[in-house]
Protein backbone atom coordinates (compact mmCIF):
# COMPACT_ATOMS: atom_id res chain seq x y z
CA MET A 1 111.11 125.69 -16.26
CA THR A 2 111.22 121.91 -17.26
CA LEU A 3 113.99 122.49 -19.72
CA ARG A 4 116.15 124.18 -17.09
CA ARG A 5 115.58 121.42 -14.66
CA CYS A 6 116.66 118.85 -17.14
CA SER A 7 119.83 120.84 -17.79
CA ILE A 8 120.61 121.03 -14.15
CA ILE A 9 120.09 117.28 -13.72
CA PHE A 10 122.36 116.37 -16.67
CA ALA A 11 125.05 118.70 -15.31
CA LEU A 12 125.01 117.01 -11.98
CA LEU A 13 125.20 113.54 -13.55
CA SER A 14 128.15 114.70 -15.54
CA ALA A 15 129.89 115.85 -12.42
CA LEU A 16 129.18 112.66 -10.68
CA CYS A 17 130.49 110.61 -13.58
CA LEU A 18 133.69 112.64 -13.58
CA GLY A 19 134.08 112.43 -9.80
CA THR A 20 133.63 108.73 -9.65
CA ALA A 21 136.12 108.03 -12.45
CA PRO A 22 139.38 106.59 -11.29
CA ALA A 23 142.06 109.06 -10.92
CA TRP A 24 144.41 107.11 -12.96
CA GLY A 25 142.53 107.98 -16.26
CA VAL A 26 139.40 108.40 -18.18
CA ASN A 27 138.30 105.66 -20.47
CA LYS A 28 136.79 105.97 -23.81
CA GLU A 29 133.13 105.24 -22.46
CA MET A 30 133.30 108.40 -20.12
CA ILE A 31 134.47 110.54 -22.99
CA GLU A 32 131.53 109.45 -25.11
CA LEU A 33 129.15 109.96 -22.26
CA GLN A 34 130.47 113.45 -21.62
CA THR A 35 130.14 114.15 -25.29
CA GLN A 36 126.54 112.88 -25.34
CA VAL A 37 125.76 114.98 -22.21
CA GLN A 38 127.23 118.00 -23.90
CA GLN A 39 125.19 117.36 -27.03
CA LEU A 40 122.09 116.96 -24.88
CA GLN A 41 122.86 120.18 -23.13
CA GLN A 42 123.23 121.94 -26.48
CA GLN A 43 119.92 120.51 -27.61
CA MET A 44 118.30 121.60 -24.41
CA THR A 45 119.62 125.18 -24.84
CA ALA A 46 118.50 125.10 -28.48
CA MET A 47 115.02 123.98 -27.31
CA GLN A 48 114.89 126.62 -24.54
CA ARG A 49 115.86 129.29 -27.13
CA SER A 50 113.22 127.98 -29.57
CA PHE A 51 110.62 127.99 -26.87
CA ASP A 52 111.57 131.48 -25.77
CA GLU A 53 111.29 132.61 -29.35
CA ARG A 54 107.86 131.06 -29.88
CA MET A 55 106.62 132.43 -26.55
CA GLY A 56 107.70 135.80 -27.75
CA VAL A 57 105.90 135.29 -31.02
CA MET A 58 102.84 134.14 -29.23
CA ASN A 59 102.85 137.05 -26.77
CA ASN A 60 103.22 139.38 -29.86
CA LEU A 61 100.34 137.80 -31.46
CA VAL A 62 98.23 137.93 -28.26
CA GLU A 63 99.07 141.65 -27.99
CA LYS A 64 98.15 142.26 -31.56
CA ASP A 65 94.95 140.36 -31.21
CA SER A 66 94.11 142.20 -28.06
CA ASP A 67 94.84 145.55 -29.84
CA ALA A 68 92.62 144.35 -32.77
CA VAL A 69 89.89 143.23 -30.36
CA ASN A 70 89.96 146.61 -28.68
CA LYS A 71 89.85 148.37 -31.91
CA VAL A 72 86.92 146.31 -33.06
CA GLY A 73 85.18 146.91 -29.81
CA ALA A 74 85.79 150.62 -30.18
CA ALA A 75 84.51 150.55 -33.78
CA LEU A 76 81.44 148.67 -32.74
CA GLY A 77 80.85 151.11 -30.04
CA GLY A 78 81.23 154.03 -32.43
CA LEU A 79 78.87 152.22 -34.83
CA GLN A 80 76.31 151.65 -32.14
CA THR A 81 76.46 155.27 -31.16
CA SER A 82 76.23 156.34 -34.83
CA LEU A 83 73.25 153.99 -35.25
CA GLN A 84 71.54 155.38 -32.01
CA LYS A 85 72.10 158.91 -33.32
CA GLN A 86 70.69 157.99 -36.74
CA GLN A 87 67.62 156.37 -35.14
CA GLY A 88 67.15 159.47 -33.08
CA ASP A 89 67.46 161.73 -36.14
CA SER A 90 65.28 159.37 -38.06
CA ALA A 91 62.55 159.45 -35.34
CA SER A 92 62.82 163.22 -35.21
CA HIS A 93 62.60 163.37 -39.01
CA VAL A 94 59.61 161.01 -39.07
CA ASP A 95 57.86 163.15 -36.52
CA GLN A 96 58.56 166.20 -38.61
CA LEU A 97 57.19 164.46 -41.68
CA SER A 98 54.22 163.42 -39.85
CA GLY A 99 53.50 166.95 -38.68
CA GLN A 100 53.92 168.21 -42.12
CA LEU A 101 51.65 165.46 -43.54
CA GLN A 102 48.99 166.34 -40.92
CA SER A 103 49.29 170.12 -41.87
CA LEU A 104 48.88 169.13 -45.65
CA ASN A 105 45.83 167.00 -44.81
CA ASP A 106 44.31 169.89 -42.91
CA THR A 107 44.90 172.30 -45.76
CA LEU A 108 43.42 169.81 -48.15
CA ASP A 109 40.30 169.50 -46.10
CA GLU A 110 40.02 173.29 -45.85
CA LEU A 111 40.40 173.50 -49.66
CA LYS A 112 37.83 170.83 -50.18
CA SER A 113 35.37 172.72 -47.92
CA ARG A 114 36.03 175.89 -49.74
CA LEU A 115 35.65 174.19 -53.07
CA ALA A 116 32.27 172.77 -51.85
CA LYS A 117 31.14 176.19 -50.85
CA VAL A 118 32.24 177.74 -54.13
CA SER A 119 30.53 174.82 -56.15
CA LYS A 120 27.28 175.48 -54.08
CA GLN A 121 27.52 179.15 -54.90
CA LEU A 122 27.96 178.45 -58.58
CA GLU A 123 24.92 176.06 -58.56
CA ASP A 124 22.89 178.76 -56.87
CA MET A 125 23.99 181.30 -59.40
CA GLN A 126 23.25 179.03 -62.20
CA GLY A 127 19.86 178.19 -60.69
CA THR A 128 19.09 181.81 -60.27
CA GLN A 129 20.20 182.73 -63.76
CA GLN A 130 18.04 179.83 -65.21
CA SER A 131 15.16 180.88 -63.07
CA LEU A 132 15.59 184.60 -64.29
CA ALA A 133 15.93 183.37 -67.86
CA ALA A 134 12.85 181.26 -67.55
CA GLN A 135 10.85 184.20 -66.06
CA GLN A 136 12.17 186.48 -68.78
CA ALA A 137 11.17 184.02 -71.48
CA GLN A 138 7.72 183.66 -69.77
CA GLN A 139 7.27 187.43 -69.64
CA GLN A 140 8.31 187.73 -73.22
CA ALA A 141 5.86 185.02 -74.09
CA GLN A 142 3.21 186.65 -72.10
CA GLN A 143 4.06 190.05 -73.72
CA GLN A 144 3.90 188.44 -77.27
CA ALA A 145 0.62 186.62 -76.41
CA GLN A 146 -0.87 189.87 -75.00
CA ALA A 147 0.22 191.63 -78.10
CA GLN A 148 -1.72 188.94 -80.03
CA ALA A 149 -4.58 188.67 -77.65
CA PRO A 150 -7.87 190.55 -78.07
CA PRO A 151 -8.50 193.45 -75.82
CA PRO A 152 -9.63 192.49 -72.29
CA ASP A 153 -13.13 193.78 -72.57
CA VAL A 154 -13.74 192.12 -75.88
CA LEU A 155 -12.29 188.82 -74.67
CA TYR A 156 -14.25 188.96 -71.26
CA ASN A 157 -17.63 189.80 -73.11
CA ASN A 158 -17.22 186.99 -75.52
CA ALA A 159 -16.52 184.43 -72.77
CA LEU A 160 -19.48 185.70 -70.78
CA ARG A 161 -21.72 185.55 -73.88
CA ASP A 162 -20.65 181.99 -74.58
CA TYR A 163 -21.21 181.11 -70.91
CA ASN A 164 -24.75 182.38 -70.95
CA GLY A 165 -25.26 180.55 -74.23
CA ALA A 166 -24.23 177.27 -72.54
CA LYS A 167 -21.26 177.09 -74.86
CA ASN A 168 -19.20 175.72 -71.97
CA ASP A 169 -16.11 174.47 -73.85
CA LEU A 170 -15.73 177.73 -75.70
CA ALA A 171 -16.40 179.81 -72.53
CA VAL A 172 -13.89 177.76 -70.54
CA GLN A 173 -11.14 178.49 -73.24
CA GLU A 174 -12.06 182.21 -73.33
CA PHE A 175 -12.17 182.64 -69.59
CA SER A 176 -8.78 180.80 -69.25
CA ASP A 177 -7.29 182.95 -72.00
CA TYR A 178 -8.39 186.13 -70.04
CA ILE A 179 -6.73 184.82 -66.89
CA LYS A 180 -3.63 183.98 -68.94
CA PHE A 181 -3.36 187.30 -70.63
CA TYR A 182 -4.79 189.63 -67.96
CA PRO A 183 -4.23 187.84 -64.65
CA ASN A 184 -4.09 190.96 -62.34
CA THR A 185 -7.40 192.69 -63.36
CA ASP A 186 -10.61 192.51 -61.35
CA LEU A 187 -12.41 190.59 -64.10
CA ALA A 188 -9.92 187.78 -63.77
CA GLY A 189 -11.61 187.11 -60.42
CA ASN A 190 -14.93 186.85 -62.27
CA CYS A 191 -13.38 184.49 -64.69
CA TYR A 192 -12.32 182.21 -61.98
CA PHE A 193 -15.87 182.32 -60.56
CA TYR A 194 -17.49 181.46 -63.86
CA LEU A 195 -15.00 178.58 -64.43
CA GLY A 196 -16.08 177.28 -61.00
CA GLU A 197 -19.65 177.49 -62.06
CA ILE A 198 -19.17 175.55 -65.18
CA GLN A 199 -17.39 172.96 -63.25
CA PHE A 200 -19.98 172.87 -60.45
CA ARG A 201 -22.72 172.26 -63.17
CA GLN A 202 -20.73 169.45 -64.56
CA GLY A 203 -20.32 167.78 -61.07
CA ASN A 204 -16.55 168.46 -60.90
CA TYR A 205 -16.85 169.84 -57.25
CA GLN A 206 -13.23 169.55 -56.38
CA GLN A 207 -12.03 171.81 -59.22
CA ALA A 208 -14.91 174.08 -58.70
CA ALA A 209 -14.06 174.65 -54.96
CA GLN A 210 -10.47 175.46 -56.07
CA ASN A 211 -11.56 178.08 -58.56
CA TYR A 212 -14.00 179.58 -56.00
CA ASP A 213 -11.16 179.67 -53.51
CA GLN A 214 -9.03 181.65 -56.10
CA VAL A 215 -11.57 184.32 -56.03
CA LEU A 216 -11.68 184.44 -52.20
CA GLN A 217 -7.84 184.41 -51.72
CA ASN A 218 -6.63 186.61 -54.74
CA PHE A 219 -9.59 188.96 -55.33
CA PRO A 220 -11.15 189.58 -51.81
CA THR A 221 -12.60 193.05 -52.88
CA GLY A 222 -14.19 191.68 -56.06
CA SER A 223 -17.76 191.64 -56.91
CA LYS A 224 -18.06 187.76 -56.78
CA VAL A 225 -16.71 187.18 -53.34
CA ALA A 226 -19.84 186.48 -51.64
CA SER A 227 -21.10 184.23 -54.39
CA ALA A 228 -17.79 182.38 -54.55
CA GLN A 229 -17.91 181.63 -50.88
CA LEU A 230 -21.51 180.42 -51.12
CA LYS A 231 -20.61 178.00 -53.90
CA LYS A 232 -17.44 176.94 -52.30
CA GLY A 233 -19.51 175.98 -49.28
CA PHE A 234 -22.02 174.00 -51.49
CA SER A 235 -19.05 172.31 -53.26
CA LEU A 236 -17.50 171.06 -50.00
CA ILE A 237 -20.87 169.78 -48.86
CA GLU A 238 -21.26 167.85 -52.12
CA LEU A 239 -17.68 166.43 -51.56
CA GLY A 240 -18.80 165.04 -48.23
CA LYS A 241 -16.91 167.70 -46.28
CA GLN A 242 -19.99 168.95 -44.51
CA ASP A 243 -18.19 170.60 -41.55
CA ASP A 244 -15.99 172.52 -43.84
CA GLY A 245 -18.94 173.58 -45.89
CA VAL A 246 -21.03 174.55 -42.99
CA GLN A 247 -18.10 176.74 -41.70
CA GLU A 248 -17.87 178.43 -44.99
CA LEU A 249 -21.60 179.24 -45.10
CA ARG A 250 -21.60 180.50 -41.56
CA HIS A 251 -18.70 182.69 -42.39
CA LEU A 252 -20.48 184.04 -45.35
CA ILE A 253 -23.62 184.81 -43.28
CA GLN A 254 -21.38 186.61 -40.74
CA ARG A 255 -19.70 188.77 -43.20
CA TYR A 256 -22.68 189.42 -45.49
CA PRO A 257 -25.69 188.95 -43.26
CA ARG A 258 -28.23 190.71 -45.60
CA SER A 259 -26.97 189.70 -49.00
CA PRO A 260 -28.96 187.28 -51.26
CA GLU A 261 -25.99 184.71 -50.94
CA ALA A 262 -26.57 184.78 -47.10
CA LEU A 263 -30.28 183.99 -47.60
CA GLN A 264 -29.33 180.87 -49.67
CA ALA A 265 -26.66 179.90 -47.17
CA ARG A 266 -29.39 179.91 -44.36
CA GLU A 267 -31.74 177.81 -46.53
CA ARG A 268 -29.04 175.26 -47.12
CA LEU A 269 -28.10 175.13 -43.44
CA ARG A 270 -31.87 174.70 -42.52
CA LYS A 271 -32.20 171.75 -44.91
CA LEU A 272 -29.07 170.19 -43.36
CA GLY A 273 -30.62 170.81 -39.88
CA VAL A 274 -27.75 172.94 -38.82
CA ALA A 275 -27.93 176.34 -37.07
CA SER A 276 -26.85 179.37 -39.04
CA THR A 277 -24.56 180.41 -36.08
CA ALA A 278 -22.23 178.20 -34.19
CA ARG A 279 -23.25 177.17 -30.82
CA PRO A 280 -20.79 177.39 -27.94
CA GLY A 281 -18.38 174.39 -28.10
CA GLU A 282 -18.89 173.89 -31.83
């Protein structure tokens, strides 16, 4: 707009100059001025044309830049959408992997539990097998020993002879051998009793009481039951366990009231100042 206004002003100045010139002629200065005005107009026209061209180029560049910006914005939007989708897919994939990992951990725990059970079963089987092997070996050893041992009546009579002859060490060995080779016979109960008698004589009351108790517990119908209970009561009294000893003697009197052992039990209780039968509340 500025260039156009300048063109109009120069045109008016040209007209004024021509109008004020004398009608009789145009001098050289006016001609030069007109020439300069025309040149100026041409320059203004050229400038206007150049300005228009540059404005067109600028508008074109702005349009291109706008298109580029729009394309970049669209690309960024697409990229953001793609990223959001990838993040969603990744989250879903991570959840899936977490579920699979948890399932694997559960399976592993179950396998560990099964393995522990199987290991325990194997250990039990090995223990049972070892126990059976040990029992079998023991039975074989007993069978071999019994095959080499003297007959039971010979071994028992020899032990009893040495016991009566005060050959205590030899008698202990023979009674012990009889129990080892023939543990389930009735005479084995007698052997426990005589072992207790030897230990009682030697003052080993604790071991004596244990052997007497073997007779009472394992051979309750044997011929030495009353004697074993009597001597067990005596052993407990000697060990300072008077209440337990008195209870054993009273039990003996109750079970075998007319036996010689019952008479000895009553005599021992009398010496202790204790009644043969328990009073109410005792």
